[in-house]
């Protein structure tokens, strides 16, 4: 496997588990929570694939701001249903 894929295998498994719950309609009372969790995992996976070497201890630069924006925008989009 690629190095990037090895880093996110647990995230992918969690995403698949959440999608399984989502597809079997056992989520009806927790729809927003499930969508928000999928959004957070999606943002995390996207950041790991696009920005694997962001150093959070450095002074913020463009890549850091983009990575932070991913964690804000993607979960909000999922929570509002699209």
PDB file of N, CA and C in Angstrom:
ATOM      1  N   UNK A   1       0.834  -1.186   0.000  1.00  0.00           N
ATOM      2  CA  UNK A   1       0.000   0.000   0.000  1.00  0.00           C
ATOM      3  C   UNK A   1       0.874   1.243   0.000  1.00  0.00           C
ATOM      4  N   UNK A   2       0.307   2.313  -0.504  1.00  0.00           N
ATOM      5  CA  UNK A   2       1.028   3.570  -0.483  1.00  0.00           C
ATOM      6  C   UNK A   2       1.146   4.067   0.956  1.00  0.00           C
ATOM      7  N   UNK A   3       2.152   4.882   1.191  1.00  0.00           N
ATOM      8  CA  UNK A   3       2.367   5.434   2.525  1.00  0.00           C
ATOM      9  C   UNK A   3       1.164   6.248   2.992  1.00  0.00           C
ATOM     10  N   UNK A   4       0.571   7.040   2.076  1.00  0.00           N
ATOM     11  CA  UNK A   4      -0.578   7.862   2.441  1.00  0.00           C
ATOM     12  C   UNK A   4      -1.786   7.004   2.828  1.00  0.00           C
ATOM     13  N   UNK A   5      -1.983   5.905   2.129  1.00  0.00           N
ATOM     14  CA  UNK A   5      -3.111   5.030   2.429  1.00  0.00           C
ATOM     15  C   UNK A   5      -2.932   4.341   3.770  1.00  0.00           C
ATOM     16  N   UNK A   6      -1.714   3.948   4.101  1.00  0.00           N
ATOM     17  CA  UNK A   6      -1.466   3.325   5.396  1.00  0.00           C
ATOM     18  C   UNK A   6      -1.771   4.283   6.540  1.00  0.00           C
ATOM     19  N   UNK A   7      -1.552   5.563   6.325  1.00  0.00           N
ATOM     20  CA  UNK A   7      -1.782   6.546   7.376  1.00  0.00           C
ATOM     21  C   UNK A   7      -3.263   6.732   7.686  1.00  0.00           C
ATOM     22  N   UNK A   8      -4.129   6.450   6.729  1.00  0.00           N
ATOM     23  CA  UNK A   8      -5.548   6.743   6.925  1.00  0.00           C
ATOM     24  C   UNK A   8      -6.433   5.502   6.916  1.00  0.00           C
ATOM     25  N   UNK A   9      -5.855   4.320   7.035  1.00  0.00           N
ATOM     26  CA  UNK A   9      -6.659   3.091   6.943  1.00  0.00           C
ATOM     27  C   UNK A   9      -7.736   3.020   8.038  1.00  0.00           C
ATOM     28  N   UNK A  10      -7.410   3.458   9.256  1.00  0.00           N
ATOM     29  CA  UNK A  10      -8.419   3.440  10.321  1.00  0.00           C
ATOM     30  C   UNK A  10      -9.550   4.425  10.032  1.00  0.00           C
ATOM     31  N   UNK A  11      -9.207   5.563   9.459  1.00  0.00           N
ATOM     32  CA  UNK A  11     -10.238   6.537   9.099  1.00  0.00           C
ATOM     33  C   UNK A  11     -11.168   5.983   8.022  1.00  0.00           C
ATOM     34  N   UNK A  12     -10.592   5.288   7.061  1.00  0.00           N
ATOM     35  CA  UNK A  12     -11.399   4.689   5.994  1.00  0.00           C
ATOM     36  C   UNK A  12     -12.322   3.609   6.554  1.00  0.00           C
ATOM     37  N   UNK A  13     -11.811   2.791   7.454  1.00  0.00           N
ATOM     38  CA  UNK A  13     -12.647   1.755   8.065  1.00  0.00           C
ATOM     39  C   UNK A  13     -13.787   2.373   8.879  1.00  0.00           C
ATOM     40  N   UNK A  14     -13.496   3.432   9.612  1.00  0.00           N
ATOM     41  CA  UNK A  14     -14.543   4.111  10.375  1.00  0.00           C
ATOM     42  C   UNK A  14     -15.589   4.705   9.441  1.00  0.00           C
ATOM     43  N   UNK A  15     -15.138   5.285   8.340  1.00  0.00           N
ATOM     44  CA  UNK A  15     -16.065   5.851   7.368  1.00  0.00           C
ATOM     45  C   UNK A  15     -16.969   4.771   6.766  1.00  0.00           C
ATOM     46  N   UNK A  16     -16.392   3.622   6.429  1.00  0.00           N
ATOM     47  CA  UNK A  16     -17.189   2.519   5.889  1.00  0.00           C
ATOM     48  C   UNK A  16     -18.202   2.008   6.912  1.00  0.00           C
ATOM     49  N   UNK A  17     -17.803   1.934   8.184  1.00  0.00           N
ATOM     50  CA  UNK A  17     -18.718   1.502   9.240  1.00  0.00           C
ATOM     51  C   UNK A  17     -19.876   2.485   9.387  1.00  0.00           C
ATOM     52  N   UNK A  18     -19.572   3.768   9.363  1.00  0.00           N
ATOM     53  CA  UNK A  18     -20.622   4.783   9.481  1.00  0.00           C
ATOM     54  C   UNK A  18     -21.542   4.736   8.266  1.00  0.00           C
ATOM     55  N   UNK A  19     -20.975   4.509   7.091  1.00  0.00           N
ATOM     56  CA  UNK A  19     -21.813   4.406   5.891  1.00  0.00           C
ATOM     57  C   UNK A  19     -22.707   3.165   5.950  1.00  0.00           C
ATOM     58  N   UNK A  20     -22.214   2.085   6.534  1.00  0.00           N
ATOM     59  CA  UNK A  20     -23.039   0.889   6.706  1.00  0.00           C
ATOM     60  C   UNK A  20     -24.229   1.189   7.609  1.00  0.00           C
ATOM     61  N   UNK A  21     -23.971   1.853   8.725  1.00  0.00           N
ATOM     62  CA  UNK A  21     -25.057   2.237   9.623  1.00  0.00           C
ATOM     63  C   UNK A  21     -26.030   3.160   8.890  1.00  0.00           C
ATOM     64  N   UNK A  22     -25.490   4.072   8.116  1.00  0.00           N
ATOM     65  CA  UNK A  22     -26.307   5.033   7.383  1.00  0.00           C
ATOM     66  C   UNK A  22     -27.194   4.334   6.359  1.00  0.00           C
ATOM     67  N   UNK A  23     -26.675   3.309   5.697  1.00  0.00           N
ATOM     68  CA  UNK A  23     -27.436   2.644   4.647  1.00  0.00           C
ATOM     69  C   UNK A  23     -28.471   1.664   5.176  1.00  0.00           C
ATOM     70  N   UNK A  24     -28.358   1.217   6.416  1.00  0.00           N
ATOM     71  CA  UNK A  24     -29.323   0.266   6.966  1.00  0.00           C
ATOM     72  C   UNK A  24     -30.457   0.953   7.723  1.00  0.00           C
ATOM     73  N   UNK A  25     -30.515   2.271   7.664  1.00  0.00           N
ATOM     74  CA  UNK A  25     -31.584   3.078   8.268  1.00  0.00           C
ATOM     75  C   UNK A  25     -31.698   2.918   9.780  1.00  0.00           C
ATOM     76  N   UNK A  26     -30.595   2.640  10.452  1.00  0.00           N
ATOM     77  CA  UNK A  26     -30.605   2.622  11.918  1.00  0.00           C
ATOM     78  C   UNK A  26     -30.190   3.971  12.474  1.00  0.00           C
ATOM     79  N   UNK A  27     -30.128   4.951  11.647  1.00  0.00           N
ATOM     80  CA  UNK A  27     -29.603   6.253  12.007  1.00  0.00           C
ATOM     81  C   UNK A  27     -30.672   7.315  12.225  1.00  0.00           C
ATOM     82  N   UNK A  28     -31.925   7.010  12.004  1.00  0.00           N
ATOM     83  CA  UNK A  28     -32.961   8.027  11.896  1.00  0.00           C
ATOM     84  C   UNK A  28     -32.961   9.029  13.052  1.00  0.00           C
ATOM     85  N   UNK A  29     -32.679   8.577  14.267  1.00  0.00           N
ATOM     86  CA  UNK A  29     -32.680   9.515  15.387  1.00  0.00           C
ATOM     87  C   UNK A  29     -31.367  10.271  15.511  1.00  0.00           C
ATOM     88  N   UNK A  30     -30.344   9.813  14.813  1.00  0.00           N
ATOM     89  CA  UNK A  30     -29.027  10.446  14.920  1.00  0.00           C
ATOM     90  C   UNK A  30     -28.513  10.953  13.579  1.00  0.00           C
ATOM     91  N   UNK A  31     -29.399  11.378  12.720  1.00  0.00           N
ATOM     92  CA  UNK A  31     -29.003  11.747  11.362  1.00  0.00           C
ATOM     93  C   UNK A  31     -27.948  12.849  11.336  1.00  0.00           C
ATOM     94  N   UNK A  32     -28.168  13.928  12.087  1.00  0.00           N
ATOM     95  CA  UNK A  32     -27.200  15.028  12.062  1.00  0.00           C
ATOM     96  C   UNK A  32     -25.853  14.577  12.604  1.00  0.00           C
ATOM     97  N   UNK A  33     -25.841  13.778  13.653  1.00  0.00           N
ATOM     98  CA  UNK A  33     -24.579  13.312  14.230  1.00  0.00           C
ATOM     99  C   UNK A  33     -23.826  12.425  13.245  1.00  0.00           C
ATOM    100  N   UNK A  34     -24.541  11.569  12.553  1.00  0.00           N
ATOM    101  CA  UNK A  34     -23.904  10.689  11.573  1.00  0.00           C
ATOM    102  C   UNK A  34     -23.334  11.510  10.412  1.00  0.00           C
ATOM    103  N   UNK A  35     -24.116  12.455   9.908  1.00  0.00           N
ATOM    104  CA  UNK A  35     -23.633  13.288   8.814  1.00  0.00           C
ATOM    105  C   UNK A  35     -22.436  14.134   9.230  1.00  0.00           C
ATOM    106  N   UNK A  36     -22.469  14.654  10.443  1.00  0.00           N
ATOM    107  CA  UNK A  36     -21.343  15.457  10.920  1.00  0.00           C
ATOM    108  C   UNK A  36     -20.093  14.605  11.081  1.00  0.00           C
ATOM    109  N   UNK A  37     -20.234  13.395  11.600  1.00  0.00           N
ATOM    110  CA  UNK A  37     -19.082  12.500  11.744  1.00  0.00           C
ATOM    111  C   UNK A  37     -18.506  12.104  10.389  1.00  0.00           C
ATOM    112  N   UNK A  38     -19.355  11.846   9.417  1.00  0.00           N
ATOM    113  CA  UNK A  38     -18.858  11.543   8.073  1.00  0.00           C
ATOM    114  C   UNK A  38     -18.115  12.749   7.516  1.00  0.00           C
ATOM    115  N   UNK A  39     -18.642  13.936   7.752  1.00  0.00           N
ATOM    116  CA  UNK A  39     -17.971  15.143   7.293  1.00  0.00           C
ATOM    117  C   UNK A  39     -16.606  15.343   7.936  1.00  0.00           C
ATOM    118  N   UNK A  40     -16.505  15.069   9.229  1.00  0.00           N
ATOM    119  CA  UNK A  40     -15.228  15.199   9.923  1.00  0.00           C
ATOM    120  C   UNK A  40     -14.232  14.172   9.395  1.00  0.00           C
ATOM    121  N   UNK A  41     -14.672  12.944   9.209  1.00  0.00           N
ATOM    122  CA  UNK A  41     -13.777  11.927   8.656  1.00  0.00           C
ATOM    123  C   UNK A  41     -13.358  12.263   7.232  1.00  0.00           C
ATOM    124  N   UNK A  42     -14.291  12.763   6.446  1.00  0.00           N
ATOM    125  CA  UNK A  42     -13.973  13.158   5.072  1.00  0.00           C
ATOM    126  C   UNK A  42     -12.926  14.281   5.084  1.00  0.00           C
ATOM    127  N   UNK A  43     -13.109  15.259   5.955  1.00  0.00           N
ATOM    128  CA  UNK A  43     -12.141  16.357   6.051  1.00  0.00           C
ATOM    129  C   UNK A  43     -10.780  15.839   6.495  1.00  0.00           C
ATOM    130  N   UNK A  44     -10.773  14.923   7.439  1.00  0.00           N
ATOM    131  CA  UNK A  44      -9.513  14.369   7.939  1.00  0.00           C
ATOM    132  C   UNK A  44      -8.784  13.581   6.852  1.00  0.00           C
ATOM    133  N   UNK A  45      -9.514  12.762   6.140  1.00  0.00           N
ATOM    134  CA  UNK A  45      -8.915  11.978   5.055  1.00  0.00           C
ATOM    135  C   UNK A  45      -8.393  12.911   3.961  1.00  0.00           C
ATOM    136  N   UNK A  46      -9.182  13.920   3.622  1.00  0.00           N
ATOM    137  CA  UNK A  46      -8.753  14.864   2.595  1.00  0.00           C
ATOM    138  C   UNK A  46      -7.485  15.590   3.024  1.00  0.00           C
ATOM    139  N   UNK A  47      -7.423  16.020   4.279  1.00  0.00           N
ATOM    140  CA  UNK A  47      -6.227  16.715   4.741  1.00  0.00           C
ATOM    141  C   UNK A  47      -5.013  15.809   4.739  1.00  0.00           C
ATOM    142  N   UNK A  48      -5.183  14.553   5.156  1.00  0.00           N
ATOM    143  CA  UNK A  48      -4.057  13.613   5.165  1.00  0.00           C
ATOM    144  C   UNK A  48      -3.540  13.350   3.752  1.00  0.00           C
ATOM    145  N   UNK A  49      -4.449  13.299   2.783  1.00  0.00           N
ATOM    146  CA  UNK A  49      -4.023  13.028   1.415  1.00  0.00           C
ATOM    147  C   UNK A  49      -3.398  14.262   0.753  1.00  0.00           C
ATOM    148  N   UNK A  50      -3.956  15.448   1.009  1.00  0.00           N
ATOM    149  CA  UNK A  50      -3.469  16.651   0.340  1.00  0.00           C
ATOM    150  C   UNK A  50      -2.332  17.351   1.075  1.00  0.00           C
ATOM    151  N   UNK A  51      -2.369  17.332   2.399  1.00  0.00           N
ATOM    152  CA  UNK A  51      -1.382  18.046   3.197  1.00  0.00           C
ATOM    153  C   UNK A  51      -0.786  17.119   4.263  1.00  0.00           C
ATOM    154  N   UNK A  52      -0.081  16.063   3.860  1.00  0.00           N
ATOM    155  CA  UNK A  52       0.406  15.095   4.854  1.00  0.00           C
ATOM    156  C   UNK A  52       1.499  15.631   5.763  1.00  0.00           C
ATOM    157  N   UNK A  53       2.149  16.726   5.389  1.00  0.00           N
ATOM    158  CA  UNK A  53       3.280  17.175   6.184  1.00  0.00           C
ATOM    159  C   UNK A  53       3.091  18.564   6.781  1.00  0.00           C
ATOM    160  N   UNK A  54       1.862  18.960   7.112  1.00  0.00           N
ATOM    161  CA  UNK A  54       1.638  20.261   7.727  1.00  0.00           C
ATOM    162  C   UNK A  54       2.204  20.210   9.143  1.00  0.00           C
ATOM    163  N   UNK A  55       3.093  21.133   9.443  1.00  0.00           N
ATOM    164  CA  UNK A  55       3.694  21.219  10.774  1.00  0.00           C
ATOM    165  C   UNK A  55       2.903  22.238  11.590  1.00  0.00           C
ATOM    166  N   UNK A  56       2.099  21.755  12.539  1.00  0.00           N
ATOM    167  CA  UNK A  56       1.201  22.620  13.293  1.00  0.00           C
ATOM    168  C   UNK A  56       1.948  23.520  14.275  1.00  0.00           C
ATOM    169  N   UNK A  57       3.215  23.219  14.561  1.00  0.00           N
ATOM    170  CA  UNK A  57       3.974  24.043  15.503  1.00  0.00           C
ATOM    171  C   UNK A  57       4.592  25.271  14.824  1.00  0.00           C
ATOM    172  N   UNK A  58       4.595  25.289  13.494  1.00  0.00           N
ATOM    173  CA  UNK A  58       5.156  26.428  12.759  1.00  0.00           C
ATOM    174  C   UNK A  58       4.193  27.605  12.774  1.00  0.00           C
ATOM    175  N   UNK A  59       4.748  28.764  12.410  1.00  0.00           N
ATOM    176  CA  UNK A  59       3.902  29.931  12.204  1.00  0.00           C
ATOM    177  C   UNK A  59       2.950  29.614  11.049  1.00  0.00           C
ATOM    178  N   UNK A  60       1.652  29.927  11.199  1.00  0.00           N
ATOM    179  CA  UNK A  60       0.689  29.562  10.152  1.00  0.00           C
ATOM    180  C   UNK A  60       1.066  30.109   8.778  1.00  0.00           C
ATOM    181  N   UNK A  61       0.955  29.254   7.781  1.00  0.00           N
ATOM    182  CA  UNK A  61       1.179  29.631   6.390  1.00  0.00           C
ATOM    183  C   UNK A  61      -0.042  29.213   5.591  1.00  0.00           C
ATOM    184  N   UNK A  62      -0.014  29.414   4.282  1.00  0.00           N
ATOM    185  CA  UNK A  62      -1.175  29.130   3.439  1.00  0.00           C
ATOM    186  C   UNK A  62      -1.720  27.722   3.563  1.00  0.00           C
ATOM    187  N   UNK A  63      -0.831  26.710   3.551  1.00  0.00           N
ATOM    188  CA  UNK A  63      -1.287  25.327   3.651  1.00  0.00           C
ATOM    189  C   UNK A  63      -1.978  25.027   4.966  1.00  0.00           C
ATOM    190  N   UNK A  64      -1.505  25.660   6.027  1.00  0.00           N
ATOM    191  CA  UNK A  64      -2.124  25.461   7.338  1.00  0.00           C
ATOM    192  C   UNK A  64      -3.528  26.033   7.352  1.00  0.00           C
ATOM    193  N   UNK A  65      -3.700  27.213   6.772  1.00  0.00           N
ATOM    194  CA  UNK A  65      -5.032  27.814   6.721  1.00  0.00           C
ATOM    195  C   UNK A  65      -5.990  26.978   5.881  1.00  0.00           C
ATOM    196  N   UNK A  66      -5.517  26.424   4.805  1.00  0.00           N
ATOM    197  CA  UNK A  66      -6.353  25.564   3.966  1.00  0.00           C
ATOM    198  C   UNK A  66      -6.747  24.315   4.736  1.00  0.00           C
ATOM    199  N   UNK A  67      -5.811  23.719   5.467  1.00  0.00           N
ATOM    200  CA  UNK A  67      -6.115  22.526   6.246  1.00  0.00           C
ATOM    201  C   UNK A  67      -7.149  22.828   7.328  1.00  0.00           C
ATOM    202  N   UNK A  68      -7.022  23.967   7.985  1.00  0.00           N
ATOM    203  CA  UNK A  68      -8.005  24.358   8.998  1.00  0.00           C
ATOM    204  C   UNK A  68      -9.368  24.593   8.345  1.00  0.00           C
ATOM    205  N   UNK A  69      -9.378  25.228   7.185  1.00  0.00           N
ATOM    206  CA  UNK A  69     -10.639  25.484   6.484  1.00  0.00           C
ATOM    207  C   UNK A  69     -11.337  24.184   6.095  1.00  0.00           C
ATOM    208  N   UNK A  70     -10.557  23.163   5.742  1.00  0.00           N
ATOM    209  CA  UNK A  70     -11.161  21.869   5.416  1.00  0.00           C
ATOM    210  C   UNK A  70     -11.944  21.315   6.599  1.00  0.00           C
ATOM    211  N   UNK A  71     -11.382  21.447   7.811  1.00  0.00           N
ATOM    212  CA  UNK A  71     -12.052  20.938   9.006  1.00  0.00           C
ATOM    213  C   UNK A  71     -13.286  21.750   9.381  1.00  0.00           C
ATOM    214  N   UNK A  72     -13.436  22.920   8.816  1.00  0.00           N
ATOM    215  CA  UNK A  72     -14.616  23.740   9.100  1.00  0.00           C
ATOM    216  C   UNK A  72     -15.669  23.578   8.007  1.00  0.00           C
ATOM    217  N   UNK A  73     -15.267  23.691   6.763  1.00  0.00           N
ATOM    218  CA  UNK A  73     -16.207  23.740   5.642  1.00  0.00           C
ATOM    219  C   UNK A  73     -16.848  22.383   5.353  1.00  0.00           C
ATOM    220  N   UNK A  74     -16.051  21.336   5.274  1.00  0.00           N
ATOM    221  CA  UNK A  74     -16.592  20.030   4.889  1.00  0.00           C
ATOM    222  C   UNK A  74     -17.617  19.502   5.898  1.00  0.00           C
ATOM    223  N   UNK A  75     -17.347  19.516   7.227  1.00  0.00           N
ATOM    224  CA  UNK A  75     -18.380  19.049   8.153  1.00  0.00           C
ATOM    225  C   UNK A  75     -19.659  19.898   8.126  1.00  0.00           C
ATOM    226  N   UNK A  76     -19.516  21.201   7.921  1.00  0.00           N
ATOM    227  CA  UNK A  76     -20.723  22.051   7.836  1.00  0.00           C
ATOM    228  C   UNK A  76     -21.556  21.670   6.622  1.00  0.00           C
ATOM    229  N   UNK A  77     -20.888  21.406   5.502  1.00  0.00           N
ATOM    230  CA  UNK A  77     -21.620  20.994   4.295  1.00  0.00           C
ATOM    231  C   UNK A  77     -22.375  19.693   4.519  1.00  0.00           C
ATOM    232  N   UNK A  78     -21.735  18.735   5.173  1.00  0.00           N
ATOM    233  CA  UNK A  78     -22.406  17.472   5.469  1.00  0.00           C
ATOM    234  C   UNK A  78     -23.560  17.687   6.449  1.00  0.00           C
ATOM    235  N   UNK A  79     -23.356  18.505   7.458  1.00  0.00           N
ATOM    236  CA  UNK A  79     -24.396  18.714   8.483  1.00  0.00           C
ATOM    237  C   UNK A  79     -25.645  19.367   7.901  1.00  0.00           C
ATOM    238  N   UNK A  80     -25.454  20.230   6.902  1.00  0.00           N
ATOM    239  CA  UNK A  80     -26.610  20.858   6.278  1.00  0.00           C
ATOM    240  C   UNK A  80     -27.160  20.057   5.117  1.00  0.00           C
ATOM    241  N   UNK A  81     -26.632  18.852   4.918  1.00  0.00           N
ATOM    242  CA  UNK A  81     -27.207  17.930   3.964  1.00  0.00           C
ATOM    243  C   UNK A  81     -26.741  18.085   2.538  1.00  0.00           C
ATOM    244  N   UNK A  82     -25.615  18.629   2.319  1.00  0.00           N
ATOM    245  CA  UNK A  82     -25.183  18.693   0.952  1.00  0.00           C
ATOM    246  C   UNK A  82     -23.953  19.479   0.769  1.00  0.00           C
TER     247      UNK A  82
END
